[in-house]
Protein backbone atom coordinates (compact mmCIF):
# COMPACT_ATOMS: atom_id res chain seq x y z
CA MET A 1 0.00 0.00 0.00
CA ARG A 2 2.90 2.33 0.74
CA ARG A 3 4.40 1.66 -2.70
CA VAL A 4 1.08 2.57 -4.31
CA GLY A 5 0.93 5.80 -2.34
CA LEU A 6 4.47 6.76 -3.30
CA GLY A 7 3.84 5.95 -6.96
CA VAL A 8 0.61 7.96 -7.08
CA GLY A 9 2.28 10.87 -5.31
CA ALA A 10 5.21 10.91 -7.76
CA ALA A 11 2.85 10.71 -10.75
CA PHE A 12 0.77 13.64 -9.53
CA ALA A 13 3.88 15.68 -8.77
CA ALA A 14 5.14 15.14 -12.33
CA GLY A 15 1.71 15.99 -13.74
CA LEU A 16 1.52 19.23 -11.79
CA ALA A 17 4.96 20.17 -13.03
CA VAL A 18 3.90 19.61 -16.64
CA GLN A 19 0.67 21.52 -16.05
CA GLY A 20 2.65 24.47 -14.74
CA VAL A 21 5.02 24.51 -17.72
CA MET A 22 2.37 24.25 -20.47
CA PRO A 23 1.20 27.90 -20.43
CA LEU A 24 4.82 29.03 -20.82
CA LEU A 25 5.47 26.97 -23.96
CA GLY A 26 2.69 28.19 -26.16
CA GLU A 27 -0.06 26.16 -27.87
CA ARG A 28 1.95 24.38 -30.55
CA THR A 29 5.15 23.81 -28.59
CA GLY A 30 3.15 22.63 -25.60
CA VAL A 31 1.30 20.02 -27.65
CA VAL A 32 4.52 18.70 -29.19
CA THR A 33 6.32 18.58 -25.83
CA ASP A 34 3.41 16.83 -24.11
CA ASN A 35 3.01 14.32 -26.95
CA LEU A 36 6.71 13.41 -26.99
CA LEU A 37 6.68 12.94 -23.22
CA LEU A 38 3.55 10.76 -23.42
CA ALA A 39 4.98 8.73 -26.30
CA LEU A 40 8.12 8.00 -24.27
CA ILE A 41 6.09 6.99 -21.18
CA ALA A 42 3.83 4.78 -23.30
CA LEU A 43 6.86 3.10 -24.91
CA VAL A 44 8.30 2.25 -21.49
CA THR A 45 4.88 0.94 -20.47
CA THR A 46 4.65 -1.23 -23.59
CA LEU A 47 8.02 -2.84 -22.88
CA GLY A 48 7.03 -3.48 -19.26
CA HIS A 49 3.74 -5.15 -20.21
CA CYS A 50 5.53 -7.28 -22.81
CA ALA A 51 7.87 -8.54 -20.09
CA GLN A 52 4.89 -9.34 -17.86
CA ALA A 53 3.23 -11.23 -20.71
CA ARG A 54 6.34 -13.37 -21.25
CA MET A 55 6.33 -14.37 -17.57
CA SER A 56 2.59 -15.20 -17.51
CA ARG A 57 0.37 -17.95 -18.83
CA GLY A 58 -3.17 -18.34 -20.12
CA THR A 59 -5.68 -15.57 -19.48
CA GLN A 60 -3.17 -13.52 -17.53
CA ARG A 61 -0.80 -13.49 -20.51
CA LEU A 62 -3.62 -12.31 -22.80
CA ALA A 63 -4.41 -9.55 -20.32
CA TRP A 64 -0.85 -8.26 -20.29
CA VAL A 65 -0.71 -8.45 -24.11
CA LEU A 66 -3.83 -6.27 -24.29
CA ALA A 67 -2.26 -3.87 -21.82
CA ALA A 68 0.84 -3.69 -24.05
CA VAL A 69 -1.36 -3.04 -27.11
CA ALA A 70 -3.14 -0.25 -25.21
CA ALA A 71 0.17 1.38 -24.34
CA GLY A 72 1.36 1.00 -27.93
CA LEU A 73 -1.81 2.65 -29.26
CA TRP A 74 -1.38 5.47 -26.79
CA SER A 75 2.20 6.02 -27.97
CA ALA A 76 1.12 5.93 -31.61
CA SER A 77 -1.71 8.38 -30.89
CA SER A 78 0.77 10.85 -29.43
CA VAL A 79 3.02 10.53 -32.47
CA VAL A 80 0.12 11.02 -34.91
CA ASP A 81 -1.07 14.08 -33.03
CA THR A 82 2.45 15.51 -33.17
CA VAL A 83 2.57 14.95 -36.94
CA ASP A 84 -0.81 16.69 -37.30
CA VAL A 85 0.57 19.70 -35.44
CA PHE A 86 3.61 19.96 -37.70
CA LEU A 87 1.59 19.46 -40.89
CA PHE A 88 -1.24 21.76 -39.76
CA THR A 89 -3.72 18.96 -40.47
CA GLU A 90 -6.75 17.89 -38.43
CA THR A 91 -7.47 14.15 -38.46
CA SER A 92 -9.40 11.96 -36.05
CA LEU A 93 -6.90 9.09 -36.22
CA ASP A 94 -5.23 10.07 -32.95
CA GLU A 95 -8.61 10.24 -31.15
CA LEU A 96 -9.57 6.81 -32.48
CA MET A 97 -6.25 5.39 -31.30
CA ALA A 98 -6.80 6.94 -27.87
CA VAL A 99 -10.27 5.38 -27.60
CA GLY A 100 -8.81 2.04 -28.73
CA ALA A 101 -6.14 2.33 -26.06
CA ALA A 102 -8.85 2.92 -23.43
CA LEU A 103 -10.85 -0.10 -24.61
CA CYS A 104 -7.79 -2.37 -24.58
CA SER A 105 -6.90 -1.15 -21.09
CA LEU A 106 -10.44 -1.94 -19.94
CA ALA A 107 -10.27 -5.42 -21.46
CA ALA A 108 -6.91 -6.05 -19.79
CA LEU A 109 -8.28 -4.89 -16.46
CA VAL A 110 -11.33 -7.14 -16.78
CA LEU A 111 -9.18 -10.18 -17.55
CA LEU A 112 -6.71 -9.45 -14.77
CA GLY A 113 -9.58 -8.99 -12.35
CA SER A 114 -11.13 -12.34 -13.24
CA VAL A 115 -8.04 -14.61 -13.15
CA GLY A 116 -8.82 -16.94 -10.23
CA ARG A 117 -10.59 -14.10 -8.45
CA ALA A 118 -14.32 -14.27 -9.14
CA GLY A 119 -16.26 -17.45 -8.64
CA ARG A 120 -19.53 -18.11 -10.42
CA GLY A 121 -21.46 -16.73 -7.46
CA ASP A 122 -19.37 -13.53 -7.40
CA ARG A 123 -19.72 -12.51 -11.04
CA LEU A 124 -23.28 -11.18 -10.83
CA PRO A 125 -22.60 -8.94 -7.81
CA ARG A 126 -19.52 -7.54 -9.52
CA LEU A 127 -21.46 -6.94 -12.76
CA LEU A 128 -24.18 -5.13 -10.82
CA ASP A 129 -21.56 -3.02 -9.08
CA VAL A 130 -20.06 -2.04 -12.43
CA ALA A 131 -23.49 -1.20 -13.88
CA THR A 132 -24.43 0.84 -10.82
CA VAL A 133 -21.19 2.82 -10.79
CA SER A 134 -21.41 3.30 -14.57
CA GLY A 135 -24.85 4.85 -14.19
CA ALA A 136 -23.65 7.13 -11.42
CA LEU A 137 -20.55 8.23 -13.35
CA PHE A 138 -22.56 8.82 -16.52
CA LEU A 139 -25.01 10.94 -14.51
CA LEU A 140 -22.13 13.05 -13.19
CA ALA A 141 -20.59 13.27 -16.66
CA TRP A 142 -23.92 14.35 -18.13
CA GLU A 143 -24.42 17.01 -15.49
CA PHE A 144 -20.99 18.60 -15.77
CA VAL A 145 -19.62 17.69 -19.24
CA VAL A 146 -21.95 15.94 -21.68
CA GLY A 147 -24.95 18.19 -21.06
CA PRO A 148 -23.05 21.45 -21.65
CA ALA A 149 -21.24 19.92 -24.64
CA HIS A 150 -24.58 18.84 -26.12
CA ALA A 151 -25.90 22.37 -25.78
CA ARG A 152 -22.82 24.00 -27.30
CA LEU A 153 -21.90 21.36 -29.91
CA PRO A 154 -25.17 19.57 -30.86
CA GLY A 155 -23.74 17.98 -33.97
CA PHE A 156 -20.80 16.59 -32.05
CA SER A 157 -22.68 15.23 -29.00
CA GLY A 158 -23.87 11.93 -30.57
CA PRO A 159 -20.43 10.61 -31.64
CA LEU A 160 -19.02 12.10 -28.44
CA ILE A 161 -21.31 9.99 -26.24
CA VAL A 162 -20.87 6.78 -28.23
CA MET A 163 -17.13 6.92 -28.85
CA VAL A 164 -15.81 8.66 -25.74
CA VAL A 165 -18.18 9.05 -22.81
CA LEU A 166 -19.77 5.58 -22.66
CA PRO A 167 -16.51 3.58 -23.02
CA GLU A 168 -14.75 5.86 -20.57
CA MET A 169 -17.54 5.65 -17.97
CA ILE A 170 -17.74 1.87 -18.20
CA GLY A 171 -13.95 1.61 -17.95
CA ALA A 172 -13.82 4.00 -15.02
CA ALA A 173 -16.67 2.13 -13.30
CA TYR A 174 -14.92 -1.21 -13.62
CA ALA A 175 -11.72 0.43 -12.39
CA VAL A 176 -13.52 1.76 -9.29
CA VAL A 177 -15.10 -1.64 -8.56
CA LEU A 178 -11.83 -3.49 -9.08
CA LEU A 179 -9.94 -0.90 -7.06
CA SER A 180 -12.17 -1.61 -4.06
CA ARG A 181 -11.14 -5.28 -4.36
CA SER A 182 -7.44 -4.80 -5.04
CA LEU A 183 -7.00 -2.33 -2.19
CA SER A 184 -8.35 -5.00 0.18
CA ASN A 185 -5.35 -7.12 -0.81
CA ARG A 186 -2.18 -5.14 -0.17
CA GLY A 187 -0.12 -7.20 -2.61
CA ASP A 188 -2.21 -6.24 -5.66
CA THR A 189 -0.02 -3.29 -6.62
CA ALA A 190 -0.23 -3.89 -10.38
CA LEU A 191 -4.03 -3.97 -10.51
CA THR A 192 -4.34 -1.00 -8.17
CA LEU A 193 -2.04 1.16 -10.30
CA LEU A 194 -3.66 0.01 -13.55
CA ALA A 195 -7.13 0.82 -12.20
CA LEU A 196 -5.98 4.23 -11.00
CA GLY A 197 -4.41 4.90 -14.40
CA LEU A 198 -7.62 4.04 -16.23
CA MET A 199 -9.62 6.28 -13.90
CA ALA A 200 -7.19 9.14 -14.46
CA PHE A 201 -7.39 8.64 -18.22
CA ALA A 202 -11.22 8.68 -18.16
CA ALA A 203 -11.31 11.86 -16.09
CA THR A 204 -8.78 13.52 -18.40
CA MET A 205 -10.79 12.64 -21.52
CA LEU A 206 -13.92 14.18 -19.99
CA LEU A 207 -12.01 17.31 -19.07
CA ALA A 208 -10.69 17.50 -22.65
CA VAL A 209 -14.30 17.37 -23.93
CA TYR A 210 -15.20 20.12 -21.48
CA ASN A 211 -12.32 22.27 -22.79
CA ALA A 212 -13.41 21.71 -26.38
CA ALA A 213 -17.02 22.61 -25.59
CA HIS A 214 -16.01 25.81 -23.79
CA GLN A 215 -13.22 26.71 -26.26
CA LEU A 216 -10.53 26.59 -23.57
CA PRO A 217 -6.84 25.79 -24.18
CA TRP A 218 -6.32 22.08 -24.56
CA TYR A 219 -4.24 21.83 -21.36
CA ALA A 220 -6.72 23.81 -19.21
CA THR A 221 -8.66 22.32 -16.26
CA GLY A 222 -5.76 19.95 -15.55
CA VAL A 223 -5.78 18.09 -18.87
CA GLY A 224 -2.05 18.61 -19.36
CA ALA A 225 -1.38 17.02 -15.98
CA GLY A 226 -4.03 14.32 -16.41
CA TYR A 227 -2.47 12.68 -19.45
CA VAL A 228 0.92 12.52 -17.74
CA VAL A 229 -0.53 11.13 -14.49
CA ALA A 230 -2.48 8.44 -16.35
CA GLY A 231 0.59 7.47 -18.39
CA LEU A 232 2.91 7.30 -15.38
CA LEU A 233 0.45 5.20 -13.35
CA THR A 234 0.17 2.62 -16.13
CA ALA A 235 3.96 2.67 -16.52
CA LEU A 236 4.33 1.89 -12.82
CA ALA A 237 1.73 -0.89 -13.16
CA SER A 238 3.81 -2.45 -15.95
CA ARG A 239 6.71 -2.82 -13.51
CA ALA A 240 4.69 -4.25 -10.61
CA PRO A 241 4.11 -8.05 -10.65
CA LEU A 242 0.72 -9.58 -10.03
CA PRO A 243 0.72 -11.40 -6.68
CA VAL A 244 0.49 -15.19 -6.54
CA GLU A 245 -2.32 -15.10 -3.97
CA THR A 246 -5.02 -13.00 -5.56
CA PHE A 247 -7.92 -11.35 -3.79
CA THR A 248 -11.31 -12.96 -3.29
CA GLU A 249 -14.81 -11.58 -2.87
CA GLN A 250 -14.75 -12.87 0.71
CA ALA A 251 -11.66 -10.77 1.46
CA HIS A 252 -13.31 -7.79 -0.25
CA ARG A 253 -16.42 -8.09 1.92
CA ALA A 254 -14.22 -8.12 5.00
CA GLY A 255 -12.06 -5.18 3.81
CA ARG A 256 -12.38 -1.50 4.61
CA TRP A 257 -12.75 -0.52 0.92
CA LEU A 258 -16.11 -2.23 0.57
CA LEU A 259 -18.04 1.05 0.23
CA LEU A 260 -15.72 2.65 -2.35
CA PRO A 261 -18.04 1.92 -5.34
CA TYR A 262 -20.90 3.67 -3.52
CA LEU A 263 -18.96 6.93 -3.30
CA PRO A 264 -19.77 8.00 -6.90
CA VAL A 265 -23.34 6.71 -6.41
CA GLY A 266 -23.83 8.91 -3.37
CA LEU A 267 -22.23 11.85 -5.17
CA ALA A 268 -24.59 11.38 -8.16
CA PHE A 269 -27.68 11.44 -5.94
CA ALA A 270 -26.34 14.51 -4.14
CA VAL A 271 -25.85 16.33 -7.48
CA ALA A 272 -29.36 15.38 -8.61
CA ALA A 273 -30.80 16.60 -5.32
CA GLY A 274 -28.87 19.86 -5.64
CA ARG A 275 -30.26 20.45 -9.14
CA TYR A 276 -33.78 19.81 -7.94
CA VAL A 277 -33.33 22.25 -5.06
CA ARG A 278 -32.01 24.94 -7.42
CA THR A 279 -34.45 24.53 -10.31
CA GLY A 280 -37.38 22.58 -8.89
CA THR A 281 -37.21 20.14 -11.81
CA VAL A 282 -35.22 17.16 -13.00
CA THR A 283 -34.52 16.51 -16.66
CA ALA A 284 -35.80 13.33 -18.28
CA ALA A 285 -32.27 12.02 -18.81
CA LEU A 286 -31.39 12.69 -15.20
CA PHE A 287 -34.60 11.06 -13.97
CA TRP A 288 -34.06 7.83 -15.90
CA LEU A 289 -30.42 7.66 -14.90
CA LEU A 290 -31.41 8.08 -11.24
CA LEU A 291 -34.13 5.46 -11.55
CA ALA A 292 -31.82 2.94 -13.20
CA THR A 293 -29.07 3.56 -10.66
CA ALA A 294 -31.47 3.26 -7.71
CA THR A 295 -32.89 0.02 -9.12
CA LEU A 296 -29.42 -1.45 -9.49
CA VAL A 297 -28.56 -0.43 -5.93
CA LEU A 298 -31.69 -2.17 -4.62
CA VAL A 299 -30.93 -5.34 -6.59
CA ARG A 300 -27.36 -5.28 -5.30
CA GLN A 301 -28.57 -4.95 -1.72
CA PHE A 302 -30.95 -7.86 -2.25
CA LEU A 303 -28.00 -9.96 -3.40
CA ASN A 304 -26.06 -8.80 -0.32
CA LEU A 305 -28.91 -10.03 1.86
CA ARG A 306 -28.80 -13.41 0.15
CA VAL A 307 -25.02 -13.61 0.56
CA ASN A 308 -25.30 -12.65 4.22
CA GLN A 309 -28.01 -15.26 4.71
CA ARG A 310 -25.81 -17.94 3.15
CA LEU A 311 -22.90 -16.85 5.32
CA ALA A 312 -25.11 -16.98 8.42
CA ASP A 313 -26.33 -20.45 7.47
CA GLU A 314 -22.77 -21.61 6.88
CA LEU A 315 -21.71 -20.13 10.22
CA ARG A 316 -24.54 -21.94 12.01
CA ARG A 317 -23.66 -25.19 10.24
CA ARG A 318 -19.99 -24.93 11.18
CA SER A 319 -20.87 -23.97 14.75
CA ALA A 320 -23.09 -27.05 14.96
CA GLU A 321 -20.28 -29.20 13.55
CA LEU A 322 -17.79 -27.82 16.07
CA ALA A 323 -20.25 -28.35 18.91
CA HIS A 324 -20.84 -31.93 17.74
CA GLN A 325 -17.10 -32.58 17.47
CA ALA A 326 -16.55 -31.17 20.95
CA SER A 327 -19.07 -33.56 22.50
CA HIS A 328 -18.66 -36.69 20.35
CA ASP A 329 -16.00 -39.34 19.82
CA ALA A 330 -14.46 -39.10 16.36
CA LEU A 331 -13.99 -42.87 15.94
CA THR A 332 -17.34 -44.28 17.04
CA GLY A 333 -19.65 -41.28 16.69
CA LEU A 334 -20.79 -41.79 20.29
CA ALA A 335 -20.84 -39.04 22.87
CA ASN A 336 -17.42 -38.46 24.42
CA ARG A 337 -16.68 -37.78 28.09
CA ALA A 338 -17.82 -34.15 27.83
CA GLY A 339 -20.98 -35.18 25.96
CA PHE A 340 -21.69 -37.83 28.60
CA GLN A 341 -21.35 -35.23 31.35
CA GLN A 342 -23.75 -32.89 29.56
CA ARG A 343 -26.37 -35.60 28.96
CA ALA A 344 -26.10 -36.91 32.52
CA GLU A 345 -26.54 -33.42 33.96
CA ALA A 346 -29.53 -32.80 31.68
CA ALA A 347 -31.13 -36.14 32.62
CA LEU A 348 -30.74 -35.46 36.35
CA ALA A 349 -32.05 -31.90 35.99
CA ALA A 350 -35.14 -33.21 34.17
CA ALA A 351 -35.83 -35.93 36.76
CA GLY A 352 -38.68 -35.34 39.17
CA PRO A 353 -38.38 -35.78 42.92
CA ASP A 354 -38.87 -39.53 42.55
CA GLY A 355 -37.40 -39.85 39.05
CA LEU A 356 -34.88 -42.60 38.49
CA THR A 357 -31.73 -42.06 36.42
CA GLY A 358 -29.36 -44.91 35.78
CA VAL A 359 -25.71 -45.07 34.74
CA LEU A 360 -23.92 -48.04 33.19
CA LEU A 361 -20.17 -48.41 32.84
CA ILE A 362 -19.08 -51.07 30.33
CA ASP A 363 -15.53 -52.31 30.03
CA LEU A 364 -14.57 -54.77 27.26
CA ASP A 365 -12.95 -57.96 28.52
CA GLY A 366 -9.74 -58.90 26.73
CA PHE A 367 -9.72 -55.96 24.27
CA LYS A 368 -5.92 -55.78 24.51
CA ALA A 369 -5.68 -59.23 22.94
CA VAL A 370 -7.40 -57.97 19.80
CA ASN A 371 -5.05 -54.98 19.47
CA ASP A 372 -1.95 -57.08 20.08
CA THR A 373 -3.01 -59.94 17.81
CA TYR A 374 -4.58 -58.13 14.87
CA GLY A 375 -3.26 -54.57 15.19
CA HIS A 376 -4.75 -51.25 16.19
CA GLY A 377 -6.79 -51.00 12.99
CA ALA A 378 -8.66 -54.14 13.99
CA GLY A 379 -9.07 -52.72 17.49
CA ASP A 380 -10.62 -49.56 16.08
CA ALA A 381 -12.97 -51.60 13.88
CA LEU A 382 -13.99 -53.62 16.93
CA LEU A 383 -14.76 -50.45 18.89
CA VAL A 384 -16.95 -49.18 16.04
CA GLY A 385 -18.82 -52.48 15.99
CA VAL A 386 -19.22 -52.46 19.77
CA ALA A 387 -20.63 -48.90 19.58
CA ALA A 388 -23.31 -50.07 17.13
CA ARG A 389 -24.26 -52.99 19.38
CA LEU A 390 -24.43 -50.81 22.46
CA ARG A 391 -26.82 -48.48 20.66
CA ALA A 392 -28.97 -51.46 19.74
CA GLY A 393 -29.02 -52.71 23.34
CA VAL A 394 -30.35 -49.55 25.00
CA ARG A 395 -33.60 -47.61 24.75
CA GLY A 396 -34.29 -44.84 22.29
CA GLY A 397 -33.78 -41.98 24.75
CA ASP A 398 -30.61 -43.34 26.33
CA THR A 399 -27.16 -41.87 25.66
CA VAL A 400 -24.21 -44.14 24.88
CA ALA A 401 -20.76 -42.62 25.32
CA ARG A 402 -17.18 -43.70 24.87
CA LEU A 403 -15.17 -42.41 27.80
CA GLY A 404 -11.84 -43.52 26.35
CA GLY A 405 -10.04 -46.67 25.27
CA ASP A 406 -12.42 -49.62 25.62
CA GLU A 407 -14.52 -48.01 28.35
CA PHE A 408 -18.11 -47.03 27.57
CA ALA A 409 -20.93 -45.48 29.59
CA VAL A 410 -24.69 -45.16 29.21
CA VAL A 411 -27.06 -42.59 30.71
CA LEU A 412 -30.50 -44.11 31.39
CA PRO A 413 -33.08 -41.39 32.13
CA HIS A 414 -36.64 -42.01 33.32
CA LEU A 415 -36.26 -45.59 34.53
CA ASN A 416 -39.54 -47.26 35.45
CA HIS A 417 -38.06 -49.05 38.47
CA PRO A 418 -34.55 -49.61 39.92
CA GLY A 419 -34.33 -53.16 38.59
CA GLU A 420 -34.58 -51.89 35.00
CA VAL A 421 -30.93 -50.79 35.10
CA HIS A 422 -29.93 -54.43 35.59
CA ASP A 423 -32.21 -55.59 32.78
CA ILE A 424 -30.72 -53.07 30.36
CA GLY A 425 -27.21 -54.08 31.41
CA ARG A 426 -27.95 -57.74 30.66
CA ARG A 427 -29.44 -56.75 27.29
CA VAL A 428 -26.30 -54.78 26.46
CA LEU A 429 -24.11 -57.80 27.21
CA HIS A 430 -26.35 -59.95 25.06
CA HIS A 431 -26.02 -57.59 22.08
CA LEU A 432 -22.25 -57.57 22.52
CA THR A 433 -22.20 -61.31 21.76
CA GLU A 434 -23.20 -60.64 18.14
CA PRO A 435 -20.14 -61.33 15.92
CA ILE A 436 -18.22 -58.39 14.44
CA ASP A 437 -16.35 -58.69 11.14
CA VAL A 438 -12.93 -57.05 11.56
CA GLY A 439 -11.08 -57.15 8.23
CA GLY A 440 -12.20 -60.69 7.40
CA THR A 441 -11.82 -61.97 10.96
CA VAL A 442 -14.90 -62.48 13.11
CA VAL A 443 -14.52 -61.15 16.63
CA THR A 444 -17.12 -61.62 19.34
CA ALA A 445 -16.78 -59.08 22.12
CA ARG A 446 -17.62 -59.63 25.75
CA GLY A 447 -17.70 -57.11 28.53
CA SER A 448 -18.42 -56.39 32.18
CA VAL A 449 -21.02 -53.90 33.37
CA GLY A 450 -21.23 -51.80 36.51
CA ALA A 451 -24.54 -50.06 37.17
CA THR A 452 -26.15 -47.66 39.61
CA VAL A 453 -29.36 -45.64 39.97
CA GLY A 454 -29.90 -42.12 41.23
CA VAL A 455 -33.21 -40.90 42.63
CA GLY A 456 -34.35 -37.34 41.95
CA ALA A 457 -32.20 -34.43 40.71
CA ARG A 458 -29.90 -34.10 43.71
CA HIS A 459 -27.18 -36.44 42.45
CA ASP A 460 -23.94 -35.29 40.88
CA PRO A 461 -23.16 -37.19 37.65
CA LEU A 462 -19.64 -37.84 38.94
CA GLU A 463 -21.11 -39.48 42.05
CA LEU A 464 -23.12 -41.88 39.90
CA VAL A 465 -20.08 -42.63 37.76
CA GLU A 466 -18.03 -43.42 40.86
CA GLN A 467 -20.76 -45.79 42.11
CA ALA A 468 -20.96 -47.49 38.71
CA ASP A 469 -17.17 -47.79 38.68
CA VAL A 470 -17.21 -49.57 42.06
CA ALA A 471 -19.85 -51.93 40.70
CA LEU A 472 -17.76 -52.50 37.55
CA TYR A 473 -14.76 -53.41 39.70
CA GLU A 474 -16.95 -55.97 41.48
CA ALA A 475 -18.09 -57.38 38.10
CA LYS A 476 -14.45 -57.81 37.02
CA ALA A 477 -13.57 -59.46 40.31
CA ALA A 478 -16.53 -61.83 39.94
CA GLY A 479 -15.03 -63.30 36.79
CA LYS A 480 -16.08 -60.77 34.10
CA GLY A 481 -18.98 -61.02 31.72
CA VAL A 482 -21.53 -60.07 34.41
CA VAL A 483 -23.63 -57.11 35.52
CA ARG A 484 -23.11 -55.74 39.02
CA VAL A 485 -25.27 -53.03 40.61
CA HIS A 486 -23.95 -50.70 43.29
CA ALA A 487 -24.83 -51.66 46.84
CA SER A 488 -26.68 -48.37 47.35
CA VAL A 489 -29.44 -49.71 45.12
CA SER A 490 -31.83 -52.07 46.90
CA ALA A 491 -30.28 -55.55 46.66
CA GLY A 492 -33.64 -57.25 46.93
CA ARG A 493 -34.62 -56.03 43.51
CA PHE A 494 -31.76 -57.94 41.92
CA ALA A 495 -32.06 -61.49 43.10
CA GLY A 496 -30.91 -62.76 39.72
CA GLU A 497 -27.85 -60.55 39.32
CA GLN A 498 -25.48 -63.29 40.51
CA GLN A 499 -26.23 -65.30 37.38
CA ARG A 500 -23.12 -65.41 35.20
CA GLU A 501 -23.12 -64.29 31.60
CA PRO A 502 -20.81 -65.83 28.96
CA GLN A 503 -17.40 -64.29 29.60
CA GLY A 504 -14.21 -63.42 27.81
CA VAL A 505 -13.37 -62.33 24.28
CA VAL A 506 -13.86 -64.88 21.53
CA LEU A 507 -11.78 -64.32 18.41
CA GLY A 508 -12.96 -65.93 15.18
CA GLY A 509 -10.24 -66.77 12.69
CA GLU A 510 -7.14 -68.87 12.62
CA ILE A 511 -4.47 -68.29 15.23
CA ASP A 512 -1.30 -70.33 15.14
CA GLY A 513 -1.55 -73.38 17.35
CA VAL A 514 -5.24 -72.90 18.09
CA HIS A 515 -7.26 -73.95 15.05
CA GLY A 516 -7.20 -77.68 14.31
CA GLU A 517 -6.27 -78.99 17.75
CA THR A 518 -7.73 -82.46 18.30
CA GLY A 519 -9.71 -83.38 21.32
CA GLY A 520 -10.49 -79.75 22.25
CA PRO A 521 -12.82 -76.87 21.41
CA GLN A 522 -12.29 -75.00 18.11
CA VAL A 523 -12.82 -71.44 16.82
CA ALA A 524 -13.78 -71.56 13.15
CA PRO A 525 -12.22 -68.87 10.93
CA HIS A 526 -14.49 -66.44 9.06
CA GLY A 527 -15.41 -67.80 5.63
CA ARG A 528 -15.36 -71.51 6.49
CA GLN A 529 -18.35 -73.67 5.81
CA GLY A 530 -21.44 -72.63 7.75
CA SER A 531 -23.16 -69.30 8.08
CA GLY A 532 -20.52 -67.52 10.14
CA PRO A 533 -18.26 -68.25 13.09
CA VAL A 534 -18.92 -71.54 14.83
CA VAL A 535 -17.82 -71.43 18.46
CA HIS A 536 -17.58 -74.55 20.67
CA ASP A 537 -17.12 -73.97 24.39
CA GLU A 538 -16.30 -70.25 24.25
CA ARG A 539 -14.56 -70.07 27.63
CA ARG A 540 -12.10 -72.84 26.75
CA ALA A 541 -11.45 -71.28 23.32
CA HIS A 542 -10.66 -67.98 24.97
CA GLN A 543 -8.31 -69.73 27.40
CA ARG A 544 -6.43 -71.35 24.51
CA VAL A 545 -5.87 -67.91 22.92
CA ALA A 546 -4.61 -66.60 26.25
CA ASP A 547 -2.27 -69.55 26.74
CA HIS A 548 -0.79 -69.08 23.26
CA HIS A 549 -0.22 -65.31 23.35
CA GLY A 550 -0.08 -64.50 27.02
CA GLN A 551 -1.97 -61.29 26.29
CA VAL A 552 -5.45 -61.73 27.76
CA GLN A 553 -5.89 -61.29 31.45
CA ALA A 554 -7.66 -64.07 33.31
């Protein structure tokens, strides 16, 4: 940004110097001097843009080629005008070349502004911005330049509007819109300078029309300085590389230059209001220009509302994703420890004075054997399968959570009676016995369950977890594969809790030294004849795996 400021300051200083010298040189000498200076600047600019084109590819190369052509036309226009001065001839070739240079500069700016910068959803807003600013600039041009020129030179006003004013206003409008984007990205020095140069050129051309309409010297009203400023800005742009990381509409919306395109719009409405206050009327041309500009502004604001709505929806979606990730286990999709705490607190808070809330702690028996035998990938697959079976074993309103490793927990709100916690625990163990396919190997998981029940809302979730953990320790000590309920819960309601469940971890699939032993139980590998794993005497099969690997705790 500092480089842009220094470049603009130097260009304006040089322009002011030329503007101050012009009255001292006389009409003819001044034109020749100014043209030779502009031709030299344009030649330097052409060489710079050619170098940029050689270092670029694709659309960006085409853009720099067009910029070089524009500079070349500008140089040729200056030379032709100089020849006309020496030969005392009056041709329109130099004006046509100047208009062509402006159109090529506009095309280059459009291409440079679209290279990886505007997505499909950003093109319409940018087009509306250009149309809105074009209308505002044309209204200002009509009020101060075109209108007076039409009154003084009626035969010249038609070609003037078509060949000069319209192209210049559209080019200046695009430059303003693009400038608001490029200034939001401090590395876009080339585009910023090129846009400023095109704006300076458009303003200078309008001032030249004003001088012609009012029969003023050609350099009056700052025209002598304007041509030099525009040329120097484009020359500086030809020496500034385009950044690798280009700006985006998102960065523009977050930048401080967002309202820059609305500056000429506000100025146009202020001028129209001033005319109405002075005269009490508004011309037909001014009225239609105001109406068109106001309509475009409304449409643009409607698009802004839609964009803001999409951004709000995206923000809500991402917030929901982050909240879900913060409270859920990435591997199994179950609630994590924080999610379990939240659900347990909510369940206790919703419980009435006599409401019953249960907590189960489930620990897989022999999970380490699976990890050590088949690898951590198989262990992860087993945990995912266990999560699905735990969900199937509980009620619809219950919350299953993975606290870490192979430890799971369940929140059971609104129990009908204390004994229901034991029934759900047994059902969970039963669902765990369903075989799980882990990379072609069938694994049947077993686990131990500790349970407790809280009455009313006065319990702390951590207190219930501690009670369930004590009960889980008792289940492990009792030989695993059982449900134990904390002693604080009425023992008379659980006369059948001492009944043992099938215990251990049964691994389907061949393990060296296990499959094929004679005279003992066998574990059939996945894919053998039959409809799945065939297990004979599961406890003895588990013991044979433990004896072979020494990995499974008794």
